[in-house]
Amino acid sequence: MAGLGRLGAALKTLWAKEPVITVSIGIAALALVSPLVSPYTKYSGMINRATPYTYPVPVRDDGNMPDIPAHPCDKEGPSLEWLKNL
């Protein structure tokens, strides 16, 4: 509790001497904290985890390619149904 009082006194002194610097420090602190509490960060992370980094490239199928889908529009990977239900 004493540390909080000293912090308050330091901010009060800083505000009295340099209000522009105090405001800029406040804006920087808000910029650092806001992504942590933003719902946008949560959903953008979920979308980035569900989106594949590599996309299918059309190749000529010789019948011995089990890891390549038969058609580029075949659904593979995680479903994005949760995104449609938001």
N, C-alpha and C. Protein backbone atom coordinates (compact mmCIF):
# COMPACT_ATOMS: atom_id res chain seq x y z
N MET A 1 0.82 -1.19 0.00
CA MET A 1 0.00 0.00 0.00
C MET A 1 0.87 1.26 0.00
N ALA A 2 2.00 1.15 0.68
CA ALA A 2 2.89 2.32 0.73
C ALA A 2 3.49 2.60 -0.64
N GLY A 3 3.74 1.52 -1.40
CA GLY A 3 4.28 1.70 -2.75
C GLY A 3 3.30 2.40 -3.66
N LEU A 4 2.00 2.10 -3.46
CA LEU A 4 0.97 2.75 -4.26
C LEU A 4 0.88 4.23 -3.93
N GLY A 5 1.07 4.58 -2.65
CA GLY A 5 1.07 5.99 -2.25
C GLY A 5 2.24 6.75 -2.84
N ARG A 6 3.39 6.06 -2.87
CA ARG A 6 4.57 6.70 -3.47
C ARG A 6 4.39 6.87 -4.98
N LEU A 7 3.76 5.88 -5.61
CA LEU A 7 3.50 6.00 -7.04
C LEU A 7 2.55 7.16 -7.32
N GLY A 8 1.52 7.30 -6.50
CA GLY A 8 0.59 8.42 -6.66
C GLY A 8 1.27 9.76 -6.46
N ALA A 9 2.15 9.83 -5.47
CA ALA A 9 2.88 11.08 -5.23
C ALA A 9 3.82 11.39 -6.39
N ALA A 10 4.45 10.35 -6.94
CA ALA A 10 5.35 10.57 -8.08
C ALA A 10 4.58 11.03 -9.30
N LEU A 11 3.39 10.44 -9.53
CA LEU A 11 2.57 10.87 -10.67
C LEU A 11 2.07 12.30 -10.49
N LYS A 12 1.73 12.65 -9.27
CA LYS A 12 1.26 14.02 -9.00
C LYS A 12 2.38 15.03 -9.25
N THR A 13 3.59 14.69 -8.81
CA THR A 13 4.74 15.57 -9.04
C THR A 13 5.06 15.66 -10.53
N LEU A 14 5.01 14.51 -11.22
CA LEU A 14 5.27 14.50 -12.65
C LEU A 14 4.22 15.31 -13.41
N TRP A 15 2.96 15.19 -13.00
CA TRP A 15 1.88 15.96 -13.64
C TRP A 15 2.08 17.46 -13.45
N ALA A 16 2.57 17.84 -12.26
CA ALA A 16 2.79 19.27 -11.98
C ALA A 16 3.94 19.82 -12.81
N LYS A 17 4.97 18.99 -13.05
CA LYS A 17 6.15 19.47 -13.78
C LYS A 17 6.02 19.29 -15.29
N GLU A 18 5.58 18.12 -15.71
CA GLU A 18 5.54 17.77 -17.14
C GLU A 18 4.22 17.09 -17.51
N PRO A 19 3.15 17.83 -17.72
CA PRO A 19 1.86 17.19 -18.02
C PRO A 19 1.84 16.47 -19.38
N VAL A 20 2.59 16.95 -20.34
CA VAL A 20 2.59 16.31 -21.66
C VAL A 20 3.24 14.93 -21.59
N ILE A 21 4.33 14.83 -20.86
CA ILE A 21 4.99 13.54 -20.70
C ILE A 21 4.11 12.59 -19.91
N THR A 22 3.41 13.10 -18.91
CA THR A 22 2.52 12.25 -18.12
C THR A 22 1.39 11.69 -18.98
N VAL A 23 0.82 12.51 -19.82
CA VAL A 23 -0.25 12.04 -20.72
C VAL A 23 0.29 11.03 -21.71
N SER A 24 1.48 11.26 -22.23
CA SER A 24 2.05 10.30 -23.19
C SER A 24 2.35 8.96 -22.53
N ILE A 25 2.78 8.98 -21.27
CA ILE A 25 3.00 7.73 -20.54
C ILE A 25 1.68 7.02 -20.31
N GLY A 26 0.63 7.77 -20.00
CA GLY A 26 -0.69 7.17 -19.82
C GLY A 26 -1.23 6.54 -21.10
N ILE A 27 -1.04 7.21 -22.20
CA ILE A 27 -1.48 6.66 -23.49
C ILE A 27 -0.69 5.40 -23.85
N ALA A 28 0.61 5.41 -23.58
CA ALA A 28 1.44 4.24 -23.86
C ALA A 28 1.01 3.06 -22.98
N ALA A 29 0.71 3.33 -21.72
CA ALA A 29 0.25 2.25 -20.82
C ALA A 29 -1.08 1.69 -21.30
N LEU A 30 -1.97 2.55 -21.74
CA LEU A 30 -3.26 2.10 -22.26
C LEU A 30 -3.08 1.27 -23.54
N ALA A 31 -2.14 1.68 -24.38
CA ALA A 31 -1.88 0.93 -25.61
C ALA A 31 -1.30 -0.45 -25.33
N LEU A 32 -0.55 -0.58 -24.24
CA LEU A 32 0.02 -1.88 -23.89
C LEU A 32 -1.01 -2.80 -23.24
N VAL A 33 -1.96 -2.24 -22.51
CA VAL A 33 -2.93 -3.05 -21.77
C VAL A 33 -4.16 -3.39 -22.60
N SER A 34 -4.56 -2.52 -23.50
CA SER A 34 -5.82 -2.73 -24.23
C SER A 34 -5.88 -4.02 -25.06
N PRO A 35 -4.81 -4.48 -25.73
CA PRO A 35 -4.92 -5.76 -26.45
C PRO A 35 -5.16 -6.95 -25.54
N LEU A 36 -4.72 -6.86 -24.29
CA LEU A 36 -4.90 -7.97 -23.37
C LEU A 36 -6.35 -8.15 -22.95
N VAL A 37 -7.13 -7.08 -22.96
CA VAL A 37 -8.52 -7.17 -22.53
C VAL A 37 -9.51 -7.05 -23.69
N SER A 38 -9.02 -6.98 -24.91
CA SER A 38 -9.89 -6.80 -26.06
C SER A 38 -10.46 -8.13 -26.55
N PRO A 39 -11.77 -8.19 -26.80
CA PRO A 39 -12.32 -9.42 -27.38
C PRO A 39 -11.85 -9.64 -28.82
N TYR A 40 -11.47 -8.58 -29.51
CA TYR A 40 -10.97 -8.72 -30.87
C TYR A 40 -9.72 -9.61 -30.90
N THR A 41 -8.87 -9.46 -29.89
CA THR A 41 -7.65 -10.26 -29.82
C THR A 41 -7.98 -11.74 -29.69
N LYS A 42 -8.99 -12.06 -28.89
CA LYS A 42 -9.39 -13.45 -28.69
C LYS A 42 -9.86 -14.07 -30.01
N TYR A 43 -10.79 -13.40 -30.67
CA TYR A 43 -11.37 -13.97 -31.90
C TYR A 43 -10.39 -13.96 -33.06
N SER A 44 -9.53 -12.97 -33.15
CA SER A 44 -8.55 -12.98 -34.24
C SER A 44 -7.54 -14.11 -34.03
N GLY A 45 -7.21 -14.40 -32.78
CA GLY A 45 -6.33 -15.54 -32.50
C GLY A 45 -6.98 -16.86 -32.86
N MET A 46 -8.28 -17.00 -32.57
CA MET A 46 -9.00 -18.23 -32.92
C MET A 46 -9.05 -18.41 -34.43
N ILE A 47 -9.29 -17.34 -35.16
CA ILE A 47 -9.35 -17.40 -36.62
C ILE A 47 -7.97 -17.74 -37.19
N ASN A 48 -6.92 -17.15 -36.64
CA ASN A 48 -5.57 -17.42 -37.14
C ASN A 48 -5.17 -18.86 -36.88
N ARG A 49 -5.59 -19.46 -35.75
CA ARG A 49 -5.27 -20.86 -35.49
C ARG A 49 -6.04 -21.78 -36.42
N ALA A 50 -7.25 -21.40 -36.85
CA ALA A 50 -8.06 -22.27 -37.70
C ALA A 50 -7.71 -22.12 -39.18
N THR A 51 -7.09 -21.02 -39.57
CA THR A 51 -6.76 -20.78 -40.97
C THR A 51 -5.44 -21.47 -41.31
N PRO A 52 -5.41 -22.28 -42.36
CA PRO A 52 -4.15 -22.96 -42.70
C PRO A 52 -3.13 -21.99 -43.29
N TYR A 53 -1.88 -22.30 -43.08
CA TYR A 53 -0.82 -21.46 -43.64
C TYR A 53 -0.52 -21.84 -45.08
N THR A 54 -0.81 -23.07 -45.46
CA THR A 54 -0.56 -23.51 -46.83
C THR A 54 -1.90 -23.81 -47.50
N TYR A 55 -2.01 -23.46 -48.70
CA TYR A 55 -3.24 -23.66 -49.45
C TYR A 55 -2.99 -24.69 -50.55
N PRO A 56 -4.02 -25.43 -50.92
CA PRO A 56 -3.80 -26.48 -51.92
C PRO A 56 -3.42 -25.90 -53.28
N VAL A 57 -2.49 -26.56 -53.90
CA VAL A 57 -2.04 -26.17 -55.23
C VAL A 57 -2.52 -27.27 -56.18
N PRO A 58 -3.14 -26.89 -57.28
CA PRO A 58 -3.58 -27.91 -58.23
C PRO A 58 -2.40 -28.72 -58.75
N VAL A 59 -2.49 -30.03 -58.60
CA VAL A 59 -1.45 -30.92 -59.12
C VAL A 59 -2.13 -32.02 -59.91
N ARG A 60 -1.37 -32.64 -60.79
CA ARG A 60 -1.90 -33.74 -61.58
C ARG A 60 -1.84 -35.01 -60.73
N ASP A 61 -3.00 -35.63 -60.50
CA ASP A 61 -3.08 -36.81 -59.64
C ASP A 61 -2.62 -38.05 -60.41
N ASP A 62 -1.62 -38.72 -59.87
CA ASP A 62 -1.16 -39.97 -60.49
C ASP A 62 -1.69 -41.19 -59.74
N GLY A 63 -2.59 -40.99 -58.78
CA GLY A 63 -3.18 -42.10 -58.05
C GLY A 63 -2.41 -42.50 -56.82
N ASN A 64 -1.24 -41.94 -56.60
CA ASN A 64 -0.42 -42.31 -55.45
C ASN A 64 -0.12 -41.07 -54.59
N MET A 65 -1.15 -40.26 -54.30
CA MET A 65 -0.98 -39.05 -53.49
C MET A 65 -2.04 -39.03 -52.39
N PRO A 66 -1.84 -39.77 -51.31
CA PRO A 66 -2.87 -39.82 -50.27
C PRO A 66 -3.02 -38.53 -49.47
N ASP A 67 -1.99 -37.68 -49.44
CA ASP A 67 -2.07 -36.47 -48.63
C ASP A 67 -2.62 -35.27 -49.41
N ILE A 68 -2.88 -35.42 -50.69
CA ILE A 68 -3.40 -34.33 -51.51
C ILE A 68 -4.87 -34.60 -51.79
N PRO A 69 -5.74 -33.60 -51.55
CA PRO A 69 -7.17 -33.82 -51.81
C PRO A 69 -7.44 -34.06 -53.30
N ALA A 70 -8.53 -34.78 -53.56
CA ALA A 70 -8.87 -35.09 -54.94
C ALA A 70 -9.27 -33.84 -55.71
N HIS A 71 -9.84 -32.88 -55.01
CA HIS A 71 -10.28 -31.64 -55.65
C HIS A 71 -9.88 -30.47 -54.75
N PRO A 72 -9.48 -29.33 -55.31
CA PRO A 72 -9.07 -28.19 -54.47
C PRO A 72 -10.18 -27.68 -53.54
N CYS A 73 -11.43 -27.92 -53.85
CA CYS A 73 -12.52 -27.43 -53.01
C CYS A 73 -12.94 -28.42 -51.93
N ASP A 74 -12.28 -29.57 -51.85
CA ASP A 74 -12.60 -30.54 -50.79
C ASP A 74 -12.32 -29.93 -49.43
N LYS A 75 -13.26 -30.16 -48.49
CA LYS A 75 -13.11 -29.60 -47.16
C LYS A 75 -12.13 -30.46 -46.37
N GLU A 76 -11.06 -29.83 -45.92
CA GLU A 76 -10.08 -30.48 -45.06
C GLU A 76 -9.68 -29.49 -43.98
N GLY A 77 -9.22 -30.00 -42.87
CA GLY A 77 -8.78 -29.14 -41.78
C GLY A 77 -9.91 -28.80 -40.83
N PRO A 78 -9.62 -27.93 -39.86
CA PRO A 78 -10.64 -27.61 -38.84
C PRO A 78 -11.82 -26.84 -39.42
N SER A 79 -12.98 -27.07 -38.85
CA SER A 79 -14.20 -26.41 -39.30
C SER A 79 -14.29 -25.00 -38.72
N LEU A 80 -14.88 -24.09 -39.47
CA LEU A 80 -15.09 -22.73 -39.01
C LEU A 80 -16.55 -22.47 -38.66
N GLU A 81 -17.28 -23.52 -38.31
CA GLU A 81 -18.70 -23.36 -37.95
C GLU A 81 -18.88 -22.47 -36.73
N TRP A 82 -17.93 -22.51 -35.80
CA TRP A 82 -18.04 -21.68 -34.60
C TRP A 82 -18.02 -20.20 -34.97
N LEU A 83 -17.33 -19.85 -36.06
CA LEU A 83 -17.27 -18.46 -36.48
C LEU A 83 -18.60 -18.01 -37.06
N LYS A 84 -19.28 -18.89 -37.76
CA LYS A 84 -20.59 -18.54 -38.33
C LYS A 84 -21.64 -18.38 -37.25
N ASN A 85 -21.47 -19.04 -36.11
CA ASN A 85 -22.48 -19.01 -35.04
C ASN A 85 -22.25 -17.88 -34.04
N LEU A 86 -21.33 -16.98 -34.29
CA LEU A 86 -21.07 -15.89 -33.33
C LEU A 86 -22.20 -14.92 -33.25
